[in-house]
Amino acid sequence: MATSCLQKPKQYLLDIALPKFATFDTFVDASDGQLSSELKQLTHTLPAAQNETHQYFLWGVANVGKTHLLQAICNQSALTQQKAVYLPMRELGQMDANILEEMQQFDLVCIDDIEIILGRKQWDRILFNLINELRADNKTLVMTSSNNPNEIKVSFEDLASRLVWGPVYKLKLLSDVEKAIAIQLHAKARGLEVSQEVCSYLLTRYSRELDKLIEVLDELDKQSMIQQRKITVPFVKTVLQDH
């Protein structure tokens, strides 16, 4: 069952459910754990002073884990009694920009795919105000984009400088070895055992995109429960034949 860290801002009802397995425990960090460690720490101790880090910008191509990290922050914050909000702009970008006006009430604001709204005057102005308000209140903002923030076009220069007020991280694609580790971490979170042989089969015969591999893992989990079978290569072949 999915969980949501999204509360109801004034005038809006946003029912955005988060995958419960999007956690720091199932994330493989290609930066040797530095980034995920920093982001996890945000959910334990909020910045208390103006000279502490309040803002992060994560960017990179698809399937590098940007969305996973934002959802992990929100899922973790629920355990530490902090107010966090996850805002996927691919879903919300067609709504009124005023949706951002009440977000300063949250301790942690996570905006996914922010490039979708940047360059649109009303969104830019309200985002600019939100960044300033969160910083003034010592609250935290984490944004993601497919694009380098220094190359994103915005409608006024002051916003461009605000986007890089904090650390900027470029996330890298995982190697096949790291993807196999991610599959096994996701399997462990679901109470499953998946061998290296099964991981290699999935990577060579099915897909190298991690999100698709996790979707397959969910189906294998479901079918293994129904059929009362272990997840082996022959079992995987049988399941994938029907999809």
Foldseek 3Di string as FASTA:
>chain_A
DFDFLDDDFPPDDDDDTFHLLLALLLDQAPVVCPVLVVLLVCLVDFFDDLPDFAEEEEAAAPQLCLVSSLSNSSSSNVVSVFREHEAECVVPVVDDLCVLVRVLVGQEYEYEACLSNFAPVVNLVSVLVSLVSCSVVSGHYYYYHHDDLCPRDHDDDVSSVSNPPGYYYYGDHDDLVSLLVSLQSSQVVVVAHDDPQNSVCCPVPPHVRSVVSVVLVVQLSVVCVVVVDHDDPVSSVVSVVVD
